């Protein structure tokens, strides 16, 4: 039994140690060790550089502003989803999730098409902070809707009705009754959005140009453009400190604000819209959702079609020499993304399900520490992880020039999602089933295989879908470790966007549309498989 449990712990610990801790530690030490000792000069250079301080300040305030705008944009959608049942609600909910797993280069491409120099709306926000804010809201609105709406859909509406009967207007009832109950969920969603926008890379790189740069983008520039590893390492440390501070503040807030709530089933809260005001609210939300979610994607599809020769850009994807690199065609890049995503999904499921079993079956400080350890890759710069792998993984097997490094990096990012989706289901298994199997002589591995795995099968399918979608869109780490002859779709799209000419831009739009369609199909499939309450952020 000890051997089986040791194996379940050893798989995720070994994987994260080799492919996360070792590369990140190596890149930091490589930049901060000089003459056999630590050299803190790069930290001083960062603190005394006006331009780098400006990057840090921009990273902070744009993340705060993006978070506030995302919360404000998502609250009306969360309200309608929580309080009303209407035809097409499940489809709209799945559609809303598509942007969250959409590759950043696709989001950047969509907003270049919608609000760039050739905007069909006649609005050119290219290379402005406003197009960055719009992309961040589009990208993260699902986080707030899922988190806040998930709680809101269980709150008893009679509490607000009681306040209204005592003379409070609609806004006063919401502000004094509902908002305090929703505040923990709002803070939880806000902290997630802040972390995503604080470490924003692909959106900033495509839409910000040289004018705007987050710490993530500056780390990329310092390593690839200026070859200044010490400054990049110092910036990575500052970013890790910032992410850790956000998580610490959020953890303290949650401990001091935990409130016991009496929650109702969703079906007892949501109701069919019966009054003109309610029907107008639902119709308005659908139109609003279309404007902020569907419109950018629709424009992206439209820009992938040539008015003179409808499918010209798609046909050009099969032509060698017009692709993302001098070595492969865009069609080969599509094939690369599919097999890499498949392998990354398999790795993420093996490691993630092993880790989820340990977290689900354990309790106490050690289990909580292990759970936090599994989440570390989400709070670390993808650029730092990718560059660290490129620098460190040359022993005992040199993986730096091996294409298998790409699915390993993608799996590293997907594992936390597999764990978060699987643990609640595994904890729902009745302990007496495991105890009975143990009495009959089954090992922990066999208990997990024969009892937990069949029960968690649908959660496993959901996890596989998310892992596949995440791998398809991963860009930060891949930008370092992808070989010229094996680019993934996001890398190919980024390279095409960097080339002049209508043909290259059109092919980038076509590839973005293909990637969007595959991602959306995966999300819709996941939503059909999703168990009640699984998939909530």
Protein backbone atom coordinates (compact mmCIF):
# COMPACT_ATOMS: atom_id res chain seq x y z
CA UNK A 1 0.00 0.00 0.00
CA UNK A 2 2.84 2.34 0.84
CA UNK A 3 4.42 1.55 -2.55
CA UNK A 4 1.20 2.45 -4.38
CA UNK A 5 0.76 5.72 -2.49
CA UNK A 6 4.44 6.53 -2.96
CA UNK A 7 4.06 6.03 -6.71
CA UNK A 8 1.02 8.35 -6.85
CA UNK A 9 3.01 11.07 -5.06
CA UNK A 10 6.24 10.36 -6.91
CA UNK A 11 4.81 10.83 -10.41
CA UNK A 12 3.70 14.50 -10.01
CA UNK A 13 6.58 15.43 -7.67
CA UNK A 14 9.15 13.95 -10.03
CA UNK A 15 7.57 15.58 -13.10
CA UNK A 16 7.32 19.04 -11.53
CA UNK A 17 10.81 18.81 -10.06
CA UNK A 18 12.44 17.92 -13.39
CA UNK A 19 10.38 20.09 -15.73
CA UNK A 20 9.47 23.03 -13.48
CA UNK A 21 11.62 23.54 -10.38
CA UNK A 22 14.93 22.62 -11.99
CA UNK A 23 14.51 24.79 -15.15
CA UNK A 24 13.19 27.82 -13.22
CA UNK A 25 15.94 27.56 -10.59
CA UNK A 26 18.54 27.13 -13.34
CA UNK A 27 17.47 30.21 -15.28
CA UNK A 28 17.38 32.34 -12.13
CA UNK A 29 20.78 31.12 -10.96
CA UNK A 30 22.29 31.50 -14.42
CA UNK A 31 21.33 35.15 -14.40
CA UNK A 32 22.12 35.95 -10.78
CA UNK A 33 25.30 33.95 -10.07
CA UNK A 34 28.60 35.62 -10.88
CA UNK A 35 32.04 34.33 -9.93
CA UNK A 36 30.68 31.52 -7.77
CA UNK A 37 28.40 33.76 -5.69
CA UNK A 38 25.12 35.58 -5.96
CA UNK A 39 25.29 38.88 -7.82
CA UNK A 40 22.52 41.28 -6.82
CA UNK A 41 23.60 43.98 -9.27
CA UNK A 42 20.78 43.16 -11.74
CA UNK A 43 18.21 43.94 -9.04
CA UNK A 44 19.79 47.34 -8.53
CA UNK A 45 19.86 47.90 -12.29
CA UNK A 46 16.15 47.14 -12.49
CA UNK A 47 15.30 49.43 -9.56
CA UNK A 48 17.39 52.33 -10.91
CA UNK A 49 16.23 52.03 -14.52
CA UNK A 50 13.40 54.44 -15.26
CA UNK A 51 12.26 52.38 -18.26
CA UNK A 52 12.13 49.10 -16.31
CA UNK A 53 10.34 50.78 -13.41
CA UNK A 54 7.88 52.05 -15.99
CA UNK A 55 7.33 48.49 -17.24
CA UNK A 56 6.65 47.31 -13.68
CA UNK A 57 4.24 50.20 -13.05
CA UNK A 58 2.42 49.62 -16.35
CA UNK A 59 2.12 45.89 -15.55
CA UNK A 60 0.54 46.72 -12.20
CA UNK A 61 -1.92 49.42 -13.20
CA UNK A 62 -3.07 47.81 -16.46
CA UNK A 63 -3.77 44.57 -14.55
CA UNK A 64 -5.79 46.48 -11.94
CA UNK A 65 -7.71 48.41 -14.60
CA UNK A 66 -8.30 45.28 -16.70
CA UNK A 67 -9.61 43.46 -13.64
CA UNK A 68 -12.03 46.27 -12.74
CA UNK A 69 -13.32 46.55 -16.31
CA UNK A 70 -13.75 42.77 -16.58
CA UNK A 71 -15.75 42.58 -13.34
CA UNK A 72 -18.00 45.46 -14.43
CA UNK A 73 -18.53 43.91 -17.87
CA UNK A 74 -19.31 40.45 -16.47
CA UNK A 75 -21.75 41.30 -13.66
CA UNK A 76 -24.85 41.84 -15.90
CA UNK A 77 -24.21 38.50 -17.64
CA UNK A 78 -23.68 36.73 -14.30
CA UNK A 79 -26.99 38.16 -13.02
CA UNK A 80 -29.06 37.00 -16.00
CA UNK A 81 -27.42 33.56 -16.07
CA UNK A 82 -28.01 33.14 -12.33
CA UNK A 83 -31.60 34.34 -12.14
CA UNK A 84 -33.25 33.23 -15.40
CA UNK A 85 -33.82 30.08 -17.41
CA UNK A 86 -34.27 30.56 -21.16
CA UNK A 87 -33.78 28.59 -24.40
CA UNK A 88 -30.17 28.44 -25.52
CA UNK A 89 -28.74 29.18 -22.08
CA UNK A 90 -26.43 26.14 -22.09
CA UNK A 91 -25.13 26.99 -25.57
CA UNK A 92 -24.49 30.61 -24.56
CA UNK A 93 -22.72 29.44 -21.42
CA UNK A 94 -20.42 27.23 -23.48
CA UNK A 95 -19.88 30.05 -25.99
CA UNK A 96 -18.91 32.36 -23.16
CA UNK A 97 -16.22 29.90 -22.07
CA UNK A 98 -14.61 29.80 -25.52
CA UNK A 99 -12.64 33.07 -25.08
CA UNK A 100 -11.13 31.86 -21.80
CA UNK A 101 -9.39 28.93 -23.50
CA UNK A 102 -8.83 30.80 -26.76
CA UNK A 103 -5.15 31.09 -27.72
CA UNK A 104 -3.80 34.56 -27.01
CA UNK A 105 -2.57 34.96 -30.57
CA UNK A 106 -6.12 34.31 -31.81
CA UNK A 107 -7.48 36.94 -29.42
CA UNK A 108 -4.82 39.38 -30.61
CA UNK A 109 -5.65 38.60 -34.24
CA UNK A 110 -9.39 39.02 -33.61
CA UNK A 111 -8.95 42.46 -32.07
CA UNK A 112 -6.52 43.55 -34.77
CA UNK A 113 -9.25 42.68 -37.27
CA UNK A 114 -12.00 44.37 -35.21
CA UNK A 115 -10.27 47.48 -33.89
CA UNK A 116 -7.12 47.75 -36.01
CA UNK A 117 -6.25 49.93 -38.99
CA UNK A 118 -8.81 48.13 -41.21
CA UNK A 119 -11.59 48.03 -38.63
CA UNK A 120 -15.08 47.48 -40.11
CA UNK A 121 -16.37 49.77 -37.36
CA UNK A 122 -14.13 52.61 -38.47
CA UNK A 123 -12.39 52.61 -35.07
CA UNK A 124 -8.60 52.31 -35.08
CA UNK A 125 -7.35 51.54 -31.58
CA UNK A 126 -4.24 49.72 -32.73
CA UNK A 127 -1.22 50.27 -30.44
CA UNK A 128 -3.39 51.91 -27.75
CA UNK A 129 -4.16 50.80 -24.21
CA UNK A 130 -7.86 50.58 -25.05
CA UNK A 131 -7.47 47.67 -27.47
CA UNK A 132 -5.48 45.86 -24.76
CA UNK A 133 -8.25 46.48 -22.22
CA UNK A 134 -10.87 45.24 -24.71
CA UNK A 135 -8.90 42.04 -25.37
CA UNK A 136 -8.37 41.39 -21.65
CA UNK A 137 -12.09 41.82 -20.93
CA UNK A 138 -12.96 39.48 -23.80
CA UNK A 139 -10.42 36.93 -22.61
CA UNK A 140 -11.37 36.88 -18.91
CA UNK A 141 -15.08 37.70 -18.71
CA UNK A 142 -15.92 33.99 -18.42
CA UNK A 143 -13.89 33.71 -15.21
CA UNK A 144 -16.07 36.28 -13.46
CA UNK A 145 -19.34 34.97 -14.89
CA UNK A 146 -18.56 31.39 -13.88
CA UNK A 147 -17.28 32.25 -10.42
CA UNK A 148 -19.74 34.98 -9.40
CA UNK A 149 -22.66 33.55 -11.35
CA UNK A 150 -22.01 30.13 -9.83
CA UNK A 151 -22.60 31.50 -6.33
CA UNK A 152 -25.34 33.93 -7.37
CA UNK A 153 -27.36 31.08 -8.86
CA UNK A 154 -27.64 29.52 -5.36
CA UNK A 155 -28.57 32.68 -3.39
CA UNK A 156 -32.17 32.92 -2.24
CA UNK A 157 -33.81 35.81 -4.20
CA UNK A 158 -36.32 36.25 -1.37
CA UNK A 159 -33.65 38.10 0.63
CA UNK A 160 -33.65 40.93 -1.90
CA UNK A 161 -37.42 40.80 -2.14
CA UNK A 162 -37.66 41.27 1.63
CA UNK A 163 -35.45 44.36 1.40
CA UNK A 164 -37.62 45.72 -1.41
CA UNK A 165 -40.74 45.20 0.69
CA UNK A 166 -39.13 47.30 3.45
CA UNK A 167 -38.73 50.25 1.09
CA UNK A 168 -35.34 49.69 -0.53
CA UNK A 169 -35.10 50.31 -4.25
CA UNK A 170 -33.55 47.76 -6.63
CA UNK A 171 -30.02 49.18 -6.36
CA UNK A 172 -30.16 49.54 -2.56
CA UNK A 173 -31.36 45.94 -2.16
CA UNK A 174 -28.51 44.68 -4.33
CA UNK A 175 -25.87 46.84 -2.60
CA UNK A 176 -26.89 46.01 0.96
CA UNK A 177 -28.06 42.38 0.64
CA UNK A 178 -26.65 40.59 -2.40
CA UNK A 179 -23.33 42.35 -2.96
CA UNK A 180 -21.88 41.51 0.48
CA UNK A 181 -22.75 37.84 -0.09
CA UNK A 182 -21.15 37.91 -3.54
CA UNK A 183 -18.02 39.77 -2.42
CA UNK A 184 -15.89 36.62 -1.71
CA UNK A 185 -16.70 35.26 -5.18
CA UNK A 186 -15.97 38.66 -6.77
CA UNK A 187 -12.62 38.86 -4.99
CA UNK A 188 -11.80 35.27 -6.00
CA UNK A 189 -12.62 35.96 -9.66
CA UNK A 190 -10.86 39.32 -9.53
CA UNK A 191 -7.69 37.76 -8.16
CA UNK A 192 -7.64 35.20 -10.98
CA UNK A 193 -8.21 37.89 -13.62
CA UNK A 194 -5.51 40.06 -12.03
CA UNK A 195 -3.00 37.22 -12.19
CA UNK A 196 -3.81 36.49 -15.83
CA UNK A 197 -3.53 40.14 -16.87
CA UNK A 198 -0.48 40.76 -14.65
CA UNK A 199 1.35 38.00 -16.56
CA UNK A 200 -0.22 38.85 -19.94
CA UNK A 201 2.11 38.03 -22.82
CA UNK A 202 0.59 37.17 -26.19
CA UNK A 203 -2.10 39.88 -26.13
CA UNK A 204 0.42 42.57 -25.13
CA UNK A 205 3.05 41.36 -27.61
CA UNK A 206 0.63 41.50 -30.55
CA UNK A 207 -1.47 44.54 -29.63
CA UNK A 208 0.97 46.63 -27.57
CA UNK A 209 3.93 46.70 -29.92
CA UNK A 210 6.96 48.58 -28.62
CA UNK A 211 4.82 51.13 -26.78
CA UNK A 212 3.44 48.84 -24.07
CA UNK A 213 5.18 45.97 -22.32
CA UNK A 214 4.36 43.93 -19.23
CA UNK A 215 7.04 42.25 -17.13
CA UNK A 216 6.34 39.06 -19.09
CA UNK A 217 6.99 40.77 -22.43
CA UNK A 218 10.08 42.54 -21.06
CA UNK A 219 11.52 39.22 -19.85
CA UNK A 220 11.03 37.92 -23.40
CA UNK A 221 12.72 40.99 -24.92
CA UNK A 222 15.66 40.92 -22.52
CA UNK A 223 16.37 37.28 -23.32
CA UNK A 224 15.70 37.13 -27.07
CA UNK A 225 16.46 40.66 -28.28
CA UNK A 226 19.05 42.06 -25.84
CA UNK A 227 20.48 38.69 -24.66
CA UNK A 228 20.60 40.18 -21.14
CA UNK A 229 19.97 37.12 -18.97
CA UNK A 230 20.77 38.80 -15.59
CA UNK A 231 18.15 41.52 -16.11
CA UNK A 232 15.62 38.94 -17.34
CA UNK A 233 16.26 36.81 -14.25
CA UNK A 234 15.83 39.81 -11.93
CA UNK A 235 12.56 40.74 -13.65
CA UNK A 236 11.36 37.14 -13.28
CA UNK A 237 12.08 37.31 -9.53
CA UNK A 238 10.14 40.56 -9.22
CA UNK A 239 7.24 38.99 -11.10
CA UNK A 240 7.25 35.94 -8.84
CA UNK A 241 7.23 38.22 -5.80
CA UNK A 242 4.26 40.13 -7.21
CA UNK A 243 2.28 36.97 -7.96
CA UNK A 244 3.07 35.55 -4.51
CA UNK A 245 1.95 38.79 -2.86
CA UNK A 246 -1.40 38.68 -4.69
CA UNK A 247 -1.96 35.05 -3.64
CA UNK A 248 -1.01 35.85 -0.03
CA UNK A 249 -3.37 38.84 0.17
CA UNK A 250 -6.19 36.81 -1.36
CA UNK A 251 -5.57 33.92 1.05
CA UNK A 252 -5.71 36.24 4.06
CA UNK A 253 -8.88 37.89 2.74
CA UNK A 254 -10.58 34.53 2.28
CA UNK A 255 -9.69 33.39 5.80
CA UNK A 256 -11.11 36.55 7.37
CA UNK A 257 -14.20 36.81 5.14
CA UNK A 258 -15.47 33.26 5.13
CA UNK A 259 -19.23 33.30 5.76
CA UNK A 260 -21.60 30.38 6.10
CA UNK A 261 -24.42 30.66 3.57
CA UNK A 262 -27.71 28.88 3.19
CA UNK A 263 -27.73 27.99 -0.51
CA UNK A 264 -30.58 26.81 -2.68
CA UNK A 265 -30.50 24.44 -5.67
CA UNK A 266 -30.08 26.26 -8.96
CA UNK A 267 -33.45 25.14 -10.27
CA UNK A 268 -35.10 26.72 -7.22
CA UNK A 269 -33.48 30.11 -7.97
CA UNK A 270 -33.58 30.48 -11.75
CA UNK A 271 -36.97 31.11 -13.33
CA UNK A 272 -38.44 31.78 -16.74
CA UNK A 273 -38.65 35.52 -17.52
CA UNK A 274 -42.31 36.41 -17.07
CA UNK A 275 -42.49 40.22 -17.15
CA UNK A 276 -41.53 42.61 -19.98
CA UNK A 277 -38.66 43.93 -17.84
CA UNK A 278 -37.29 40.40 -17.32
CA UNK A 279 -37.64 39.46 -20.99
CA UNK A 280 -35.90 42.70 -21.93
CA UNK A 281 -33.07 41.88 -19.49
CA UNK A 282 -32.54 38.46 -21.09
CA UNK A 283 -32.73 39.83 -24.65
CA UNK A 284 -30.39 42.68 -23.73
CA UNK A 285 -27.90 40.26 -22.20
CA UNK A 286 -27.90 38.09 -25.31
CA UNK A 287 -27.26 41.13 -27.51
CA UNK A 288 -24.58 42.37 -25.11
CA UNK A 289 -22.92 38.96 -25.05
CA UNK A 290 -22.93 38.94 -28.83
CA UNK A 291 -21.24 42.35 -28.92
CA UNK A 292 -18.41 41.56 -26.54
CA UNK A 293 -17.83 37.87 -27.36
CA UNK A 294 -19.27 36.95 -30.77
CA UNK A 295 -18.45 40.14 -32.71
CA UNK A 296 -14.63 39.88 -32.43
CA UNK A 297 -14.75 36.23 -33.49
CA UNK A 298 -17.15 36.96 -36.36
CA UNK A 299 -14.90 39.73 -37.68
CA UNK A 300 -11.94 37.35 -37.44
CA UNK A 301 -13.78 34.83 -39.63
CA UNK A 302 -14.79 37.55 -42.09
CA UNK A 303 -11.21 38.81 -42.43
CA UNK A 304 -10.04 35.25 -43.18
CA UNK A 305 -12.18 35.30 -46.34
CA UNK A 306 -10.99 37.20 -49.42
CA UNK A 307 -13.89 39.00 -51.11
CA UNK A 308 -12.37 38.49 -54.55
CA UNK A 309 -11.43 34.84 -54.08
CA UNK A 310 -13.33 33.53 -51.07
CA UNK A 311 -11.09 30.66 -49.94
CA UNK A 312 -7.76 32.04 -51.24
CA UNK A 313 -6.15 32.40 -47.80
CA UNK A 314 -7.22 28.90 -46.74
CA UNK A 315 -5.90 27.34 -49.95
CA UNK A 316 -2.63 29.19 -49.46
CA UNK A 317 -2.16 27.37 -46.14
CA UNK A 318 -1.35 24.18 -48.06
CA UNK A 319 1.36 25.84 -50.16
CA UNK A 320 4.91 25.19 -48.95
CA UNK A 321 6.92 28.40 -48.91
CA UNK A 322 4.05 30.70 -47.99
CA UNK A 323 3.81 29.40 -44.47
CA UNK A 324 4.96 30.28 -41.01
CA UNK A 325 8.60 29.42 -41.60
CA UNK A 326 10.91 28.73 -44.50
CA UNK A 327 10.83 25.03 -43.62
CA UNK A 328 7.17 24.00 -43.31
CA UNK A 329 3.77 24.95 -44.64
CA UNK A 330 0.97 26.22 -42.38
CA UNK A 331 -0.80 22.88 -42.93
CA UNK A 332 2.14 21.15 -41.28
CA UNK A 333 1.94 23.61 -38.37
CA UNK A 334 -1.69 22.57 -37.90
CA UNK A 335 -0.63 18.93 -37.83
CA UNK A 336 2.12 19.73 -35.33
CA UNK A 337 -0.36 21.40 -32.98
CA UNK A 338 -2.76 18.46 -33.09
CA UNK A 339 -0.26 15.71 -32.26
CA UNK A 340 1.53 17.85 -29.68
CA UNK A 341 -1.81 18.65 -27.99
CA UNK A 342 -2.71 14.96 -27.97
CA UNK A 343 0.56 13.93 -26.34
CA UNK A 344 0.45 16.85 -23.87
CA UNK A 345 -3.09 15.81 -22.87
CA UNK A 346 -1.98 12.24 -22.21
CA UNK A 347 0.94 13.42 -20.04
CA UNK A 348 -1.23 15.93 -18.16
CA UNK A 349 -3.86 13.28 -17.41
CA UNK A 350 -1.33 10.75 -16.09
CA UNK A 351 0.44 13.28 -13.86
CA UNK A 352 -2.65 15.31 -12.96
CA UNK A 353 -4.87 12.37 -12.03
CA UNK A 354 -2.10 10.91 -9.85
CA UNK A 355 -1.76 14.25 -8.08
CA UNK A 356 -5.53 14.64 -7.77
CA UNK A 357 -5.76 11.23 -6.09
CA UNK A 358 -3.18 12.28 -3.49
CA UNK A 359 -4.94 15.61 -2.79
CA UNK A 360 -8.41 14.01 -2.66
CA UNK A 361 -7.41 11.23 -0.27
CA UNK A 362 -5.26 13.33 2.09
CA UNK A 363 -5.84 16.10 4.61
CA UNK A 364 -3.83 18.35 6.87
CA UNK A 365 -1.03 20.88 6.26
CA UNK A 366 1.03 18.47 4.14
CA UNK A 367 -1.84 17.92 1.71
CA UNK A 368 -2.51 21.67 1.45
CA UNK A 369 1.18 22.33 0.80
CA UNK A 370 1.24 19.67 -1.91
CA UNK A 371 -1.88 21.19 -3.48
CA UNK A 372 -0.19 24.62 -3.53
CA UNK A 373 2.94 23.07 -5.05
CA UNK A 374 0.84 21.74 -7.93
CA UNK A 375 -0.47 25.26 -8.67
CA UNK A 376 2.98 26.88 -8.91
CA UNK A 377 3.28 26.67 -12.73
CA UNK A 378 0.19 28.89 -13.11
CA UNK A 379 1.86 31.68 -11.12
CA UNK A 380 5.18 31.53 -12.96
CA UNK A 381 6.12 33.32 -16.13
CA UNK A 382 5.58 31.00 -19.11
CA UNK A 383 8.51 32.77 -20.73
CA UNK A 384 10.70 31.93 -17.73
CA UNK A 385 9.59 28.29 -17.83
CA UNK A 386 10.25 27.98 -21.57
CA UNK A 387 13.64 29.65 -21.46
CA UNK A 388 14.58 27.68 -18.34
CA UNK A 389 13.82 24.42 -20.15
CA UNK A 390 15.94 25.54 -23.06
CA UNK A 391 18.88 26.34 -20.78
CA UNK A 392 18.67 23.51 -18.23
CA UNK A 393 17.40 20.32 -19.84
CA UNK A 394 20.66 19.10 -21.34
CA UNK A 395 21.35 16.39 -18.72
CA UNK A 396 21.05 13.44 -18.29
CA UNK A 397 19.22 13.51 -21.66
CA UNK A 398 19.54 16.53 -23.92
CA UNK A 399 15.93 17.52 -24.60
CA UNK A 400 16.65 21.06 -25.75
CA UNK A 401 16.61 20.20 -29.45
CA UNK A 402 13.92 17.54 -29.10
CA UNK A 403 10.38 18.33 -30.22
CA UNK A 404 9.06 16.32 -27.24
CA UNK A 405 9.98 19.29 -25.03
CA UNK A 406 6.93 21.14 -26.38
CA UNK A 407 4.25 18.69 -25.15
CA UNK A 408 6.11 18.41 -21.83
CA UNK A 409 5.88 22.20 -21.39
CA UNK A 410 2.21 22.23 -22.41
CA UNK A 411 1.40 19.43 -19.97
CA UNK A 412 3.06 21.43 -17.20
CA UNK A 413 0.56 24.27 -17.76
CA UNK A 414 -2.44 21.91 -18.06
CA UNK A 415 -1.79 19.81 -14.94
CA UNK A 416 -3.24 22.36 -12.44
CA UNK A 417 -6.51 22.42 -14.41
CA UNK A 418 -6.69 18.61 -14.43
CA UNK A 419 -6.18 18.58 -10.65
CA UNK A 420 -8.79 21.27 -9.96
CA UNK A 421 -11.41 19.54 -12.10
CA UNK A 422 -10.76 16.02 -10.76
CA UNK A 423 -10.36 16.54 -6.99
CA UNK A 424 -14.04 17.41 -6.24
CA UNK A 425 -15.26 14.28 -8.02
CA UNK A 426 -12.73 12.03 -6.31
CA UNK A 427 -13.70 13.45 -2.93
CA UNK A 428 -17.33 12.57 -3.65
CA UNK A 429 -16.52 8.83 -3.68
CA UNK A 430 -17.83 7.12 -0.54
CA UNK A 431 -14.86 6.12 1.69
CA UNK A 432 -16.53 2.83 2.63
CA UNK A 433 -16.15 1.62 -0.96
CA UNK A 434 -12.38 2.06 -0.74
CA UNK A 435 -12.32 0.53 2.75
CA UNK A 436 -14.21 -2.56 1.57
CA UNK A 437 -11.80 -2.98 -1.35
CA UNK A 438 -8.82 -2.60 0.98
CA UNK A 439 -10.21 -5.26 3.34
CA UNK A 440 -10.44 -7.61 0.37
CA UNK A 441 -6.75 -7.07 -0.31
CA UNK A 442 -6.79 -4.49 -3.13
CA UNK A 443 -3.76 -2.21 -3.38
CA UNK A 444 -4.24 1.60 -3.48
CA UNK A 445 -3.50 1.59 -7.21
CA UNK A 446 -6.11 -1.08 -7.85
CA UNK A 447 -8.64 0.71 -5.62
CA UNK A 448 -8.09 3.88 -7.63
CA UNK A 449 -8.34 2.01 -10.93
CA UNK A 450 -11.42 -0.06 -10.07
CA UNK A 451 -13.44 2.40 -7.94
CA UNK A 452 -12.36 6.00 -8.37
CA UNK A 453 -11.47 5.98 -12.06
CA UNK A 454 -14.90 4.75 -13.30
CA UNK A 455 -16.66 7.34 -11.11
CA UNK A 456 -14.30 10.10 -12.23
CA UNK A 457 -14.46 9.08 -15.91
CA UNK A 458 -16.51 12.08 -17.00
CA UNK A 459 -14.32 14.45 -15.02
CA UNK A 460 -11.40 12.78 -16.77
CA UNK A 461 -12.99 13.54 -20.13
CA UNK A 462 -13.58 17.17 -19.12
CA UNK A 463 -9.98 17.46 -17.95
CA UNK A 464 -8.76 15.98 -21.23
CA UNK A 465 -10.75 18.54 -23.18
CA UNK A 466 -9.37 21.47 -21.22
CA UNK A 467 -5.82 20.11 -21.42
CA UNK A 468 -6.14 19.69 -25.19
CA UNK A 469 -7.49 23.24 -25.62
CA UNK A 470 -4.78 24.71 -23.38
CA UNK A 471 -2.06 22.94 -25.35
CA UNK A 472 -3.47 24.15 -28.67
CA UNK A 473 -3.23 27.76 -27.51
CA UNK A 474 -0.04 27.79 -25.42
CA UNK A 475 2.29 30.50 -26.71
CA UNK A 476 4.62 31.88 -24.03
CA UNK A 477 6.80 28.84 -23.31
CA UNK A 478 6.48 27.54 -26.87
CA UNK A 479 7.95 30.77 -28.25
CA UNK A 480 11.28 29.66 -26.78
CA UNK A 481 11.33 25.91 -27.29
CA UNK A 482 9.61 25.44 -30.68
CA UNK A 483 12.09 24.48 -33.40
CA UNK A 484 11.94 26.31 -36.76
CA UNK A 485 10.84 23.09 -38.50
CA UNK A 486 8.16 22.19 -35.92
CA UNK A 487 6.16 25.36 -35.17
CA UNK A 488 2.75 25.11 -33.52
CA UNK A 489 -0.28 27.04 -34.73
CA UNK A 490 0.14 30.00 -32.33
CA UNK A 491 3.81 30.35 -33.32
CA UNK A 492 2.93 30.18 -37.00
CA UNK A 493 0.19 32.82 -36.59
CA UNK A 494 2.53 35.15 -34.70
CA UNK A 495 5.21 34.86 -37.38
CA UNK A 496 2.70 35.53 -40.14
CA UNK A 497 1.40 38.63 -38.33
CA UNK A 498 4.98 39.92 -38.22
CA UNK A 499 5.31 39.77 -42.00
CA UNK A 500 4.13 42.51 -44.36
CA UNK A 501 1.58 41.87 -47.06
CA UNK A 502 -2.12 41.11 -47.36
CA UNK A 503 -1.48 37.43 -48.11
CA UNK A 504 0.43 36.86 -44.87
CA UNK A 505 -2.20 38.73 -42.82
CA UNK A 506 -4.98 36.78 -44.52
CA UNK A 507 -3.27 33.47 -43.81
CA UNK A 508 -2.84 34.52 -40.16
CA UNK A 509 -6.58 35.22 -39.98
CA UNK A 510 -7.36 31.87 -41.64
CA UNK A 511 -5.13 29.94 -39.25
CA UNK A 512 -6.62 31.84 -36.32
CA UNK A 513 -10.10 30.89 -37.51
CA UNK A 514 -9.13 27.22 -37.75
CA UNK A 515 -7.62 27.31 -34.27
CA UNK A 516 -10.71 29.10 -32.93
CA UNK A 517 -13.03 26.50 -34.50
CA UNK A 518 -11.11 23.57 -33.03
CA UNK A 519 -10.98 25.22 -29.60
CA UNK A 520 -14.70 26.03 -29.68
CA UNK A 521 -15.54 22.45 -30.70
CA UNK A 522 -13.52 21.10 -27.77
CA UNK A 523 -15.22 23.49 -25.32
CA UNK A 524 -18.71 22.56 -26.57
CA UNK A 525 -17.87 18.87 -26.23
CA UNK A 526 -16.53 19.46 -22.71
CA UNK A 527 -19.69 21.33 -21.76
CA UNK A 528 -21.83 18.37 -22.84
CA UNK A 529 -19.72 16.01 -20.74
CA UNK A 530 -19.45 18.31 -17.75
CA UNK A 531 -20.92 16.98 -14.51
CA UNK A 532 -23.02 19.41 -12.49
CA UNK A 533 -20.73 21.97 -10.83
CA UNK A 534 -17.62 20.54 -12.54
CA UNK A 535 -16.03 23.17 -14.72
CA UNK A 536 -16.95 26.08 -12.48
CA UNK A 537 -13.91 28.25 -11.94
